[in-house]
Amino acid sequence: MQIKNSALPAFTLLALCCQQAWAGGLMLYEIGTDNTGLANAGAAARAQGPSTIASNPAGMSYLPGTQITAGLQVLYGDLSFDRDSNTNVPGSGSGNALDPIPGGSFFVTHQLDDHWSVGFGQYGDFGLAENYDNNWSGRYFAQNASVLGVSMVPSVAYRFNDQWSVGIGVKAMYGMLKADTAIDRSPFGLTDRSDGQFKYRDNDWGFGANVGVIYAPQPGTRLGLTYTSKVDLNFEDKLDVKGDGPLLRRLDNANTQLDMTVPQTVTLSLFQQLDRQWALLASVNWQDWSEFGQVGVQVDTTANNAQSTTIDANYKDTWHLSLGAQYQATQQLLWNVGVAYDSSAVSDSNRTVTVPMAESWRLATGATYALNKDTDINVSWALVWLGDMPVDQTKSLSGDRISGQFDSAWIQAVTGNMTWRF
């Protein structure tokens, strides 16, 4: 829709604020399963437990009987911003913006007959949360922000023969968005320089699908290909705006919609059993982050007066490469190890303090121990190294600028899970 001139100042302010409202989106490989210890290597081809529902539903056809996996994990790390002399907003340091984030997952599969298998998975594979100090010098860009997606995926698989299997899962994702951002009131002619603030909260359901195929040309060799469709999340809430001034008052309680797209992905994986003890695993993965960077914003400040625009964050698609190995040390103990590289969805010039994404390296390991023939326990660990991430942002309306870099940023995941077979 065309934006009326009378509404342009208020809408401009809202659009600048809403650029911060879709922060922290990341596609997670760490979802409380043994895949964590392999850095996603071989994920679409392993078919070694019920968590294959998340990585390739065709893998259910390799699981006999009824199997259940339940897992817990915690993500923690260091994301601290070191500002430089170009920053023109007074304030404190950022502090560590990453609070520990707990998570969990649950999967169950059941073999109906020699061809059909069914299953269900619940896991959180999208999102991250940031919690900066409220008075830090980048508060006009972000204070607190989180976007989280929890997926529920009923699935079915069909095995044609010893070589070919296919699977499909219907993904229902529950998305949760929260954003708090300070507002610099000085550009609006207000002599009181105290900050305003806007808050935005909403939840929404989005739907998609996981589709996969596994080809086993010979015993011990599996190739897996998985497509995960995009999921559209449409958040709608009334803005909670605090601060005096006519523009801020017009925005308070304004009905606002943000349209976000969780990226579609394609994964190709290899599982190769080398001998009785060693197996080699590898994956290549594409993620459609360029579409995630296109965020639709619509605001209705008065009755029947809705304006809309699209914010372009200049994101680009990413590639993931991973290599891993499994070592059967004893009859009960299986070791996993993996390393992975992910390209960056943003260039240095487009990086923001709200979405501090960069190229990353993963180093991972884990172990699975068979308590008995029907029960396994797994503990895994992964380090995601982001390194130094420079940021230089300026708000066109106010001239507020935050400049500096995140120093030696990293995230770690610690995961534990159990699998039962019946």
Protein backbone atom coordinates (compact mmCIF):
# COMPACT_ATOMS: atom_id res chain seq x y z
CA MET A 1 0.00 0.00 0.00
CA GLN A 2 1.03 3.60 -0.52
CA ILE A 3 2.10 5.46 2.60
CA LYS A 4 0.24 8.75 3.12
CA ASN A 5 2.40 11.83 3.72
CA SER A 6 0.71 12.55 7.00
CA ALA A 7 1.69 9.14 8.32
CA LEU A 8 5.22 9.08 6.91
CA PRO A 9 7.16 10.32 9.99
CA ALA A 10 5.46 7.86 12.32
CA PHE A 11 5.82 5.00 9.86
CA THR A 12 9.51 5.80 9.27
CA LEU A 13 10.16 5.61 12.99
CA LEU A 14 8.27 2.33 13.23
CA ALA A 15 10.14 0.79 10.30
CA LEU A 16 13.46 1.76 11.84
CA CYS A 17 12.42 0.17 15.11
CA CYS A 18 11.00 -2.95 13.48
CA GLN A 19 14.30 -3.65 11.78
CA GLN A 20 15.34 -4.78 15.24
CA ALA A 21 12.28 -6.92 15.94
CA TRP A 22 13.27 -10.04 14.02
CA ALA A 23 16.61 -10.57 15.69
CA GLY A 24 18.82 -13.53 16.19
CA GLY A 25 17.56 -16.04 13.65
CA LEU A 26 19.79 -19.11 13.35
CA MET A 27 19.16 -22.58 11.98
CA LEU A 28 20.33 -24.95 14.69
CA TYR A 29 21.91 -28.37 14.15
CA GLU A 30 22.03 -28.83 17.93
CA ILE A 31 18.59 -30.06 19.02
CA GLY A 32 19.38 -32.36 21.95
CA THR A 33 20.48 -35.39 19.90
CA ASP A 34 23.66 -37.32 19.11
CA ASN A 35 23.93 -35.30 15.89
CA THR A 36 25.50 -32.58 18.05
CA GLY A 37 28.66 -34.66 18.48
CA LEU A 38 29.06 -35.03 14.71
CA ALA A 39 28.66 -31.33 13.77
CA ASN A 40 25.80 -32.43 11.46
CA ALA A 41 28.07 -34.74 9.41
CA GLY A 42 26.06 -37.52 7.76
CA ALA A 43 22.80 -36.25 9.26
CA ALA A 44 20.60 -37.07 6.24
CA ALA A 45 22.10 -40.56 5.78
CA ARG A 46 22.87 -41.98 9.25
CA ALA A 47 19.41 -43.34 10.14
CA GLN A 48 20.74 -44.48 13.52
CA GLY A 49 17.85 -43.45 15.76
CA PRO A 50 14.45 -41.74 15.94
CA SER A 51 16.00 -38.26 15.64
CA THR A 52 16.32 -39.01 11.91
CA ILE A 53 12.82 -37.49 11.74
CA ALA A 54 14.48 -34.05 11.99
CA SER A 55 17.27 -34.70 9.48
CA ASN A 56 15.69 -37.19 7.02
CA PRO A 57 12.33 -38.89 7.68
CA ALA A 58 13.25 -41.66 5.20
CA GLY A 59 15.67 -42.96 7.85
CA MET A 60 12.73 -44.26 9.91
CA SER A 61 12.55 -47.23 7.54
CA TYR A 62 15.88 -48.46 8.97
CA LEU A 63 14.58 -48.57 12.57
CA PRO A 64 12.95 -51.85 13.69
CA GLY A 65 10.17 -52.06 16.26
CA THR A 66 9.30 -49.03 18.36
CA GLN A 67 12.04 -46.58 19.37
CA ILE A 68 12.00 -43.45 21.52
CA THR A 69 14.67 -40.77 21.98
CA ALA A 70 14.41 -37.94 24.51
CA GLY A 71 17.10 -35.30 24.89
CA LEU A 72 18.03 -32.17 26.82
CA GLN A 73 20.65 -29.55 26.07
CA VAL A 74 21.91 -26.11 27.06
CA LEU A 75 23.38 -23.45 24.77
CA TYR A 76 25.68 -20.84 26.26
CA GLY A 77 28.48 -18.62 25.03
CA ASP A 78 30.09 -15.19 24.85
CA LEU A 79 28.71 -12.41 22.66
CA SER A 80 30.21 -9.17 24.00
CA PHE A 81 30.52 -5.95 21.99
CA ASP A 82 33.57 -3.68 22.20
CA ARG A 83 32.61 -0.24 20.88
CA ASP A 84 35.10 2.12 19.23
CA SER A 85 35.46 5.91 19.12
CA ASN A 86 33.00 6.27 16.19
CA THR A 87 30.09 5.37 18.46
CA ASN A 88 28.19 8.60 19.24
CA VAL A 89 25.69 7.33 21.81
CA PRO A 90 26.71 7.42 25.48
CA GLY A 91 26.09 4.38 27.56
CA SER A 92 27.54 1.33 29.23
CA GLY A 93 29.15 -1.72 27.65
CA SER A 94 26.99 -4.41 26.12
CA GLY A 95 27.76 -7.14 28.64
CA ASN A 96 27.48 -10.73 27.46
CA ALA A 97 24.32 -10.76 25.32
CA LEU A 98 23.96 -14.55 25.44
CA ASP A 99 22.16 -15.99 28.43
CA PRO A 100 22.16 -19.79 28.81
CA ILE A 101 19.33 -21.26 26.73
CA PRO A 102 17.88 -24.66 27.71
CA GLY A 103 16.26 -26.89 25.11
CA GLY A 104 14.97 -30.37 24.55
CA SER A 105 13.62 -32.80 22.00
CA PHE A 106 11.45 -35.91 21.76
CA PHE A 107 11.17 -38.48 18.96
CA VAL A 108 9.26 -41.74 18.56
CA THR A 109 9.18 -44.14 15.60
CA HIS A 110 7.21 -47.32 14.95
CA GLN A 111 7.68 -49.93 12.21
CA LEU A 112 4.27 -50.98 10.88
CA ASP A 113 5.55 -53.69 8.52
CA ASP A 114 8.42 -54.40 6.15
CA HIS A 115 7.65 -51.26 4.13
CA TRP A 116 5.88 -48.66 6.28
CA SER A 117 7.09 -46.75 9.34
CA VAL A 118 5.57 -43.81 11.19
CA GLY A 119 6.91 -41.37 13.75
CA PHE A 120 6.64 -38.05 15.53
CA GLY A 121 9.27 -35.49 16.50
CA GLN A 122 9.27 -32.36 18.62
CA TYR A 123 12.33 -30.12 18.70
CA GLY A 124 13.54 -26.51 18.56
CA ASP A 125 15.73 -25.99 15.49
CA PHE A 126 15.42 -22.27 14.84
CA GLY A 127 16.31 -19.18 16.83
CA LEU A 128 18.51 -17.49 19.36
CA ALA A 129 18.02 -14.90 22.09
CA GLU A 130 20.01 -11.78 22.96
CA ASN A 131 19.92 -9.85 26.20
CA TYR A 132 22.04 -6.69 26.17
CA ASP A 133 22.36 -4.35 29.13
CA ASN A 134 19.43 -1.93 28.85
CA ASN A 135 21.60 1.20 29.04
CA TRP A 136 24.36 0.08 26.70
CA SER A 137 25.47 2.39 23.89
CA GLY A 138 23.67 0.30 21.25
CA ARG A 139 20.30 0.40 23.00
CA TYR A 140 18.68 2.32 20.10
CA PHE A 141 19.39 -0.71 17.91
CA ALA A 142 18.62 -3.54 20.33
CA GLN A 143 18.13 -4.19 24.04
CA ASN A 144 16.49 -7.59 24.28
CA ALA A 145 15.44 -9.69 21.31
CA SER A 146 14.54 -13.30 20.66
CA VAL A 147 12.93 -15.36 17.95
CA LEU A 148 12.41 -19.05 18.63
CA GLY A 149 10.78 -21.83 16.64
CA VAL A 150 9.60 -25.16 18.07
CA SER A 151 8.65 -27.78 15.48
CA MET A 152 6.22 -30.68 15.76
CA VAL A 153 6.62 -33.14 12.89
CA PRO A 154 4.39 -36.21 12.34
CA SER A 155 6.15 -38.32 9.71
CA VAL A 156 5.82 -41.42 7.54
CA ALA A 157 8.41 -43.44 5.61
CA TYR A 158 8.17 -46.13 2.95
CA ARG A 159 10.94 -48.62 2.08
CA PHE A 160 10.71 -49.90 -1.50
CA ASN A 161 13.56 -52.40 -1.19
CA ASP A 162 17.04 -52.74 0.32
CA GLN A 163 18.26 -49.76 -1.69
CA TRP A 164 15.53 -47.10 -1.72
CA SER A 165 13.54 -45.42 1.04
CA VAL A 166 11.50 -42.22 1.07
CA GLY A 167 9.92 -40.21 3.86
CA ILE A 168 7.86 -37.10 4.49
CA GLY A 169 7.03 -35.12 7.60
CA VAL A 170 4.49 -32.32 8.05
CA LYS A 171 6.13 -29.56 10.08
CA ALA A 172 4.05 -27.36 12.37
CA MET A 173 6.31 -24.65 13.83
CA TYR A 174 5.31 -22.53 16.80
CA GLY A 175 7.19 -19.24 16.47
CA MET A 176 7.79 -16.84 19.36
CA LEU A 177 9.04 -13.28 18.84
CA LYS A 178 10.05 -10.71 21.45
CA ALA A 179 11.84 -7.39 21.01
CA ASP A 180 12.63 -4.44 23.29
CA THR A 181 14.38 -1.39 21.82
CA ALA A 182 15.09 2.05 23.25
CA ILE A 183 13.99 5.12 21.25
CA ASP A 184 16.10 8.26 20.96
CA ARG A 185 13.58 11.08 21.40
CA SER A 186 15.89 13.99 20.45
CA PRO A 187 15.11 13.95 16.67
CA PHE A 188 11.47 14.72 17.47
CA GLY A 189 12.15 18.13 19.04
CA LEU A 190 11.83 16.92 22.62
CA THR A 191 14.03 18.72 25.13
CA ASP A 192 13.81 15.81 27.55
CA ARG A 193 16.61 13.48 26.38
CA SER A 194 15.40 10.49 28.38
CA ASP A 195 14.83 7.40 26.25
CA GLY A 196 11.55 6.12 25.01
CA GLN A 197 11.07 2.41 24.41
CA PHE A 198 9.00 0.09 22.29
CA LYS A 199 8.10 -3.52 23.07
CA TYR A 200 6.78 -6.12 20.67
CA ARG A 201 5.51 -9.62 21.51
CA ASP A 202 3.69 -12.27 19.53
CA ASN A 203 3.41 -15.98 18.78
CA ASP A 204 2.33 -17.64 15.56
CA TRP A 205 1.99 -21.02 13.88
CA GLY A 206 3.63 -21.72 10.53
CA PHE A 207 3.57 -24.89 8.43
CA GLY A 208 5.95 -26.67 6.08
CA ALA A 209 7.33 -30.11 5.26
CA ASN A 210 10.44 -32.28 5.47
CA VAL A 211 10.94 -34.59 2.48
CA GLY A 212 13.80 -37.08 2.18
CA VAL A 213 15.18 -40.05 0.29
CA ILE A 214 17.93 -42.56 1.15
CA TYR A 215 19.76 -44.64 -1.41
CA ALA A 216 21.93 -47.58 -0.26
CA PRO A 217 23.89 -48.88 -3.27
CA GLN A 218 25.57 -51.54 -1.12
CA PRO A 219 25.59 -52.65 2.54
CA GLY A 220 27.34 -50.06 4.70
CA THR A 221 26.91 -47.20 2.21
CA ARG A 222 24.03 -44.74 2.37
CA LEU A 223 23.37 -41.49 0.53
CA GLY A 224 20.67 -39.22 1.93
CA LEU A 225 19.00 -36.17 0.42
CA THR A 226 16.57 -34.00 2.38
CA TYR A 227 14.55 -30.91 1.53
CA THR A 228 13.03 -28.80 4.31
CA SER A 229 10.50 -26.27 3.05
CA LYS A 230 10.28 -22.68 4.19
CA VAL A 231 7.92 -21.76 7.01
CA ASP A 232 6.12 -18.40 6.97
CA LEU A 233 5.52 -16.78 10.35
CA ASN A 234 3.19 -13.78 10.52
CA PHE A 235 3.51 -11.96 13.83
CA GLU A 236 0.88 -9.41 14.82
CA ASP A 237 0.76 -7.35 17.98
CA LYS A 238 -0.13 -3.89 19.27
CA LEU A 239 3.03 -1.91 19.94
CA ASP A 240 3.74 -0.94 23.52
CA VAL A 241 5.48 2.44 23.13
CA LYS A 242 6.68 4.48 26.09
CA GLY A 243 7.71 8.13 25.71
CA ASP A 244 6.16 11.58 25.32
CA GLY A 245 5.68 13.29 21.98
CA PRO A 246 2.98 13.12 19.29
CA LEU A 247 4.75 10.61 17.06
CA LEU A 248 5.40 8.18 19.87
CA ARG A 249 1.84 8.52 21.12
CA ARG A 250 0.55 7.74 17.61
CA LEU A 251 2.56 4.56 17.54
CA ASP A 252 1.47 3.38 20.98
CA ASN A 253 -1.08 0.61 20.63
CA ALA A 254 -0.65 0.58 16.82
CA ASN A 255 -1.56 -2.78 15.31
CA THR A 256 1.68 -4.05 13.70
CA GLN A 257 2.41 -7.10 11.56
CA LEU A 258 5.84 -8.57 10.82
CA ASP A 259 6.13 -11.29 8.19
CA MET A 260 9.18 -13.55 8.51
CA THR A 261 10.29 -16.60 6.51
CA VAL A 262 12.23 -19.43 8.14
CA PRO A 263 14.71 -20.55 5.45
CA GLN A 264 14.21 -23.58 3.24
CA THR A 265 17.16 -25.99 3.21
CA VAL A 266 18.62 -28.83 1.16
CA THR A 267 21.03 -31.38 2.69
CA LEU A 268 23.05 -34.11 0.97
CA SER A 269 24.82 -36.60 3.27
CA LEU A 270 27.02 -39.68 3.08
CA PHE A 271 27.41 -42.52 5.58
CA GLN A 272 30.17 -44.99 4.75
CA GLN A 273 31.02 -47.95 7.00
CA LEU A 274 34.76 -48.53 6.48
CA ASP A 275 35.18 -51.62 8.66
CA ARG A 276 33.79 -53.09 11.87
CA GLN A 277 35.04 -50.13 13.92
CA TRP A 278 35.21 -47.05 11.69
CA ALA A 279 32.59 -45.11 9.72
CA LEU A 280 33.05 -41.91 7.70
CA LEU A 281 30.31 -39.27 7.47
CA ALA A 282 29.91 -36.06 5.47
CA SER A 283 27.25 -33.45 4.65
CA VAL A 284 26.77 -30.45 2.40
CA ASN A 285 23.86 -28.13 3.11
CA TRP A 286 22.27 -25.05 1.49
CA GLN A 287 20.09 -22.57 3.38
CA ASP A 288 17.94 -19.84 1.80
CA TRP A 289 18.81 -16.93 4.10
CA SER A 290 18.25 -14.34 1.36
CA GLU A 291 14.50 -14.78 1.74
CA PHE A 292 14.76 -14.56 5.53
CA GLY A 293 16.31 -11.10 5.01
CA GLN A 294 13.11 -9.85 3.34
CA VAL A 295 10.81 -8.84 6.22
CA GLY A 296 7.37 -7.40 5.58
CA VAL A 297 6.17 -4.67 7.97
CA GLN A 298 2.64 -3.33 8.16
CA VAL A 299 1.29 -0.82 10.68
CA ASP A 300 -2.18 0.58 11.28
CA THR A 301 -1.89 3.73 13.41
CA THR A 302 -5.49 4.80 12.88
CA ALA A 303 -8.66 3.03 11.84
CA ASN A 304 -8.47 1.84 8.23
CA ASN A 305 -5.10 3.55 7.71
CA ALA A 306 -2.62 0.72 7.17
CA GLN A 307 0.82 1.27 5.64
CA SER A 308 3.26 -1.41 4.64
CA THR A 309 6.82 -1.82 3.42
CA THR A 310 9.48 -4.51 3.07
CA ILE A 311 12.78 -4.24 4.92
CA ASP A 312 15.73 -5.68 3.04
CA ALA A 313 18.56 -6.79 5.33
CA ASN A 314 20.74 -7.79 2.35
CA TYR A 315 21.12 -11.39 3.45
CA LYS A 316 22.66 -14.03 1.22
CA ASP A 317 22.26 -17.80 1.05
CA THR A 318 24.69 -19.94 3.04
CA TRP A 319 26.55 -23.22 2.63
CA HIS A 320 27.44 -25.78 5.27
CA LEU A 321 30.17 -28.41 4.91
CA SER A 322 30.84 -31.04 7.56
CA LEU A 323 33.01 -34.12 7.98
CA GLY A 324 32.82 -36.64 10.80
CA ALA A 325 33.77 -40.11 11.95
CA GLN A 326 32.42 -42.80 14.26
CA TYR A 327 34.63 -45.26 16.14
CA GLN A 328 33.18 -48.36 17.77
CA ALA A 329 35.68 -48.56 20.64
CA THR A 330 33.96 -51.48 22.37
CA GLN A 331 30.73 -53.38 21.89
CA GLN A 332 29.03 -50.85 24.19
CA LEU A 333 30.89 -47.60 23.39
CA LEU A 334 30.62 -45.56 20.18
CA TRP A 335 32.65 -42.34 19.76
CA ASN A 336 31.53 -39.49 17.47
CA VAL A 337 33.65 -36.60 16.21
CA GLY A 338 32.96 -33.90 13.65
CA VAL A 339 34.08 -30.57 12.20
CA ALA A 340 31.99 -28.17 10.11
CA TYR A 341 32.12 -24.83 8.32
CA ASP A 342 29.19 -22.48 7.68
CA SER A 343 29.44 -19.45 5.42
CA SER A 344 28.02 -16.13 6.60
CA ALA A 345 24.56 -14.86 5.72
CA VAL A 346 25.77 -11.25 5.96
CA SER A 347 28.81 -9.29 4.84
CA ASP A 348 30.71 -7.17 7.36
CA SER A 349 28.99 -4.03 6.03
CA ASN A 350 25.49 -5.46 6.60
CA ARG A 351 26.04 -7.07 9.99
CA THR A 352 23.99 -5.66 12.87
CA VAL A 353 24.17 -5.86 16.64
CA THR A 354 20.70 -7.39 16.48
CA VAL A 355 21.70 -10.24 14.16
CA PRO A 356 25.45 -10.71 14.68
CA MET A 357 25.87 -13.59 12.23
CA ALA A 358 29.17 -14.52 10.62
CA GLU A 359 30.95 -17.48 9.10
CA SER A 360 31.46 -20.13 11.75
CA TRP A 361 33.44 -23.26 12.51
CA ARG A 362 32.10 -26.17 14.55
CA LEU A 363 34.18 -28.65 16.51
CA ALA A 364 32.20 -31.47 18.09
CA THR A 365 32.49 -34.79 19.84
CA GLY A 366 30.31 -37.19 21.78
CA ALA A 367 29.88 -40.75 22.98
CA THR A 368 27.03 -43.24 22.99
CA TYR A 369 27.05 -46.02 25.59
CA ALA A 370 24.76 -49.06 25.40
CA LEU A 371 23.43 -49.74 28.89
CA ASN A 372 21.88 -52.90 27.48
CA LYS A 373 20.63 -54.13 24.10
CA ASP A 374 17.55 -51.92 24.32
CA THR A 375 18.83 -48.72 25.98
CA ASP A 376 21.51 -46.23 24.90
CA ILE A 377 22.71 -43.04 26.54
CA ASN A 378 24.55 -40.28 24.68
CA VAL A 379 26.47 -37.19 25.80
CA SER A 380 27.69 -34.69 23.19
CA TRP A 381 29.45 -31.33 23.03
CA ALA A 382 29.94 -28.77 20.26
CA LEU A 383 31.81 -25.48 20.02
CA VAL A 384 30.64 -22.92 17.45
CA TRP A 385 33.42 -20.38 16.82
CA LEU A 386 32.28 -17.04 15.32
CA GLY A 387 35.43 -15.04 16.03
CA ASP A 388 35.61 -11.27 15.63
CA MET A 389 32.54 -9.66 14.03
CA PRO A 390 32.79 -5.95 13.13
CA VAL A 391 29.61 -3.82 13.13
CA ASP A 392 29.01 -0.23 11.98
CA GLN A 393 25.36 0.87 12.07
CA THR A 394 23.79 4.31 11.77
CA LYS A 395 20.14 5.26 12.08
CA SER A 396 19.20 7.63 9.27
CA LEU A 397 16.48 9.40 11.26
CA SER A 398 18.48 10.22 14.39
CA GLY A 399 22.12 9.81 13.29
CA ASP A 400 22.72 7.43 16.20
CA ARG A 401 25.75 5.25 15.44
CA ILE A 402 27.14 2.11 17.01
CA SER A 403 30.56 1.01 15.81
CA GLY A 404 33.01 -1.62 17.02
CA GLN A 405 33.11 -5.38 17.03
CA PHE A 406 32.12 -8.52 18.86
CA ASP A 407 35.41 -9.95 20.11
CA SER A 408 36.11 -13.70 19.89
CA ALA A 409 32.43 -14.69 19.92
CA TRP A 410 31.55 -18.32 20.54
CA ILE A 411 28.66 -20.62 21.45
CA GLN A 412 28.81 -24.05 23.07
CA ALA A 413 26.19 -26.77 23.27
CA VAL A 414 26.10 -29.60 25.81
CA THR A 415 23.60 -32.34 25.04
CA GLY A 416 22.39 -35.50 26.74
CA ASN A 417 19.82 -38.00 25.47
CA MET A 418 18.58 -41.54 25.88
CA THR A 419 17.11 -44.00 23.39
CA TRP A 420 14.81 -46.91 24.24
CA ARG A 421 13.92 -49.75 21.87
CA PHE A 422 10.85 -51.99 22.30
